Structures are given as C-alpha cells and as structure tokens.
Protein backbone atom coordinates (compact mmCIF):
# COMPACT_ATOMS: atom_id res chain seq x y z
CA MET A 1 83.54 -47.08 187.49
CA MET A 2 79.86 -46.67 188.71
CA THR A 3 80.34 -43.04 189.08
CA ARG A 4 82.02 -42.79 185.54
CA VAL A 5 78.76 -44.50 184.36
CA LEU A 6 76.60 -42.31 186.01
CA CYS A 7 78.54 -39.08 184.78
CA ILE A 8 77.90 -40.50 181.27
CA LEU A 9 74.36 -40.96 181.84
CA ALA A 10 73.75 -37.40 183.43
CA LEU A 11 75.70 -35.83 180.41
CA ALA A 12 73.53 -37.53 177.72
CA ALA A 13 70.19 -36.55 179.60
CA THR A 14 71.29 -33.35 179.75
CA LEU A 15 72.26 -33.19 176.24
CA GLY A 16 69.20 -35.05 175.26
CA GLY A 17 67.08 -32.08 176.78
CA CYS A 18 68.72 -29.23 174.48
CA GLY A 19 66.73 -30.13 171.80
CA ARG A 20 63.54 -29.50 173.68
CA ALA A 21 65.03 -26.27 175.32
CA GLY A 22 65.84 -24.81 171.85
CA ILE A 23 69.69 -24.92 172.02
CA PHE A 24 70.36 -27.27 169.17
CA LYS A 25 67.54 -26.42 166.51
CA SER A 26 69.49 -28.09 163.41
CA ASP A 27 66.28 -29.21 161.95
CA GLU A 28 64.55 -25.88 161.51
CA PRO A 29 65.14 -24.37 158.15
CA VAL A 30 67.43 -21.42 157.58
CA PHE A 31 66.27 -18.48 155.28
CA ASP A 32 68.86 -15.98 154.02
CA GLY A 33 70.96 -17.37 157.11
CA GLN A 34 68.67 -16.68 159.90
CA ARG A 35 65.75 -18.57 161.54
CA PHE A 36 62.30 -17.04 161.89
CA ARG A 37 59.45 -17.58 164.14
CA THR A 38 56.66 -18.25 161.58
CA VAL A 39 53.38 -18.82 162.56
CA VAL A 40 50.31 -19.75 160.14
CA LYS A 41 46.72 -19.63 161.54
CA SER A 42 43.59 -20.71 160.09
CA GLU A 43 40.09 -21.36 161.33
CA ARG A 44 39.62 -25.29 162.41
CA LYS A 45 36.29 -25.15 159.92
CA ASN A 46 38.08 -23.78 157.01
CA ARG A 47 41.78 -24.61 156.83
CA GLN A 48 41.89 -23.36 153.31
CA VAL A 49 42.20 -19.78 153.95
CA PHE A 50 45.15 -18.84 156.50
CA THR A 51 47.56 -16.01 157.53
CA VAL A 52 51.05 -16.57 157.97
CA THR A 53 53.01 -13.97 160.01
CA VAL A 54 56.77 -13.86 160.41
CA HIS A 55 58.35 -12.35 163.19
CA GLN A 56 61.83 -10.82 163.85
CA VAL A 57 61.55 -9.27 159.92
CA SER A 58 64.70 -7.18 160.76
CA LYS A 59 67.20 -10.16 160.88
CA SER A 60 66.30 -10.18 156.75
CA VAL A 61 63.46 -9.00 154.97
CA GLU A 62 64.22 -11.30 151.92
CA GLY A 63 64.75 -14.45 154.72
CA ALA A 64 61.38 -13.34 156.22
CA ARG A 65 59.68 -13.79 152.98
CA ALA A 66 61.05 -17.09 152.02
CA ALA A 67 60.23 -18.02 155.40
CA ALA A 68 56.45 -17.23 155.01
CA ASP A 69 56.52 -18.89 151.54
CA TYR A 70 57.72 -22.37 153.06
CA LYS A 71 55.61 -22.47 156.14
CA ALA A 72 52.77 -21.52 153.97
CA THR A 73 53.64 -24.69 151.58
CA GLN A 74 53.80 -27.07 154.40
CA HIS A 75 50.19 -25.87 155.61
CA CYS A 76 48.70 -26.31 152.50
CA ILE A 77 50.46 -29.78 151.69
CA GLN A 78 49.28 -30.90 155.30
CA PHE A 79 45.84 -30.04 154.64
CA PHE A 80 45.12 -30.33 150.83
CA GLY A 81 48.06 -32.21 149.48
CA THR A 82 49.08 -29.52 147.35
CA SER A 83 51.93 -26.57 147.17
CA GLU A 84 49.79 -24.22 145.25
CA ILE A 85 48.77 -21.15 146.86
CA ASP A 86 46.24 -18.42 145.85
CA TRP A 87 47.92 -15.50 147.56
CA THR A 88 45.74 -12.31 148.84
CA LEU A 89 49.15 -10.51 150.39
CA ALA A 90 52.10 -12.53 148.81
CA PRO A 91 55.48 -12.93 150.10
CA ASN A 92 56.94 -12.17 146.59
CA ALA A 93 54.77 -8.80 146.31
CA ASP A 94 56.60 -5.54 145.77
CA ALA A 95 58.63 -4.19 148.64
CA GLN A 96 56.87 -0.94 148.76
CA THR A 97 53.50 -2.87 149.37
CA LEU A 98 55.17 -4.80 152.43
CA ARG A 99 53.86 -3.13 155.71
CA VAL A 100 56.38 -4.09 158.43
CA VAL A 101 54.37 -3.50 161.91
CA ASP A 102 56.32 -4.15 165.34
CA ASP A 103 59.15 -6.05 163.30
CA THR A 104 56.41 -8.65 162.06
CA LEU A 105 55.26 -9.30 158.32
CA THR A 106 52.04 -10.92 157.77
CA PHE A 107 50.81 -12.51 154.50
CA SER A 108 47.41 -14.07 153.48
CA GLY A 109 46.23 -16.46 150.99
CA SER A 110 44.14 -19.87 150.41
CA CYS A 111 45.52 -23.09 149.94
CA HIS A 112 43.92 -24.42 146.03
CA ASP A 113 41.99 -27.38 146.85
CA PRO A 114 42.43 -30.03 143.78
CA ALA A 115 39.19 -31.42 144.77
CA ALA A 116 37.35 -28.05 144.03
C-alpha cells in the first residue's frame, strides 16, 4: 500500500514539472494553429516605445503577425492600461514591406498614453 502511494506521489510530482519544462503549454495562445516565441523590448525608463520580435516566422507569417500584435497589446495594457498602439512598423503592413531576417520579424511602435 505504501509503495502505491509513493508511486502516485512520484507520478504527480513528475507531471507537475512538465508545465515548467514546456511540455504542457495549454495556456499559451495559438495563432494560425502555431505557437510563436515573441519578445517585447522597451527601455526601463521609457516603456511607451517598444519593439516586438517574433521568431520562427516560417511556421506562418499570418500567425506571426497576430502573435506580434497580441504581445504588443499585452505590453501596452500592462504599462499604460490601454490597447491603443501607434505603430511605426505594424504587423498589418503590406506583405512586401515585411523583412524576415533569420526567420524573425520585428515590429515597432509606441503605446498610446491616455494621460498625455
């Protein structure tokens, strides 16, 4: 009986670590059927101006665009409480203006500051 309890506890502990290891990522959004590694960068002193980079664009350009827009919107809501973005280079730009470098797309913009 004690062996069975120990086995169940060991199994639970192992599966509990799977989320941290990246095996079960059900909470990450999917765009065009794919997950993208997306990073928003901004200076600590000026969170309003940012760049958003999407990796593995070859999975789906449309999905990568949507992932960039989603991540940028999250950033602006977190720091400014608004989803309004003034894009310098927008995810919805014409396909001819997008530059894929090393399977990566980079967009830039600034969060609309409602206090300004």
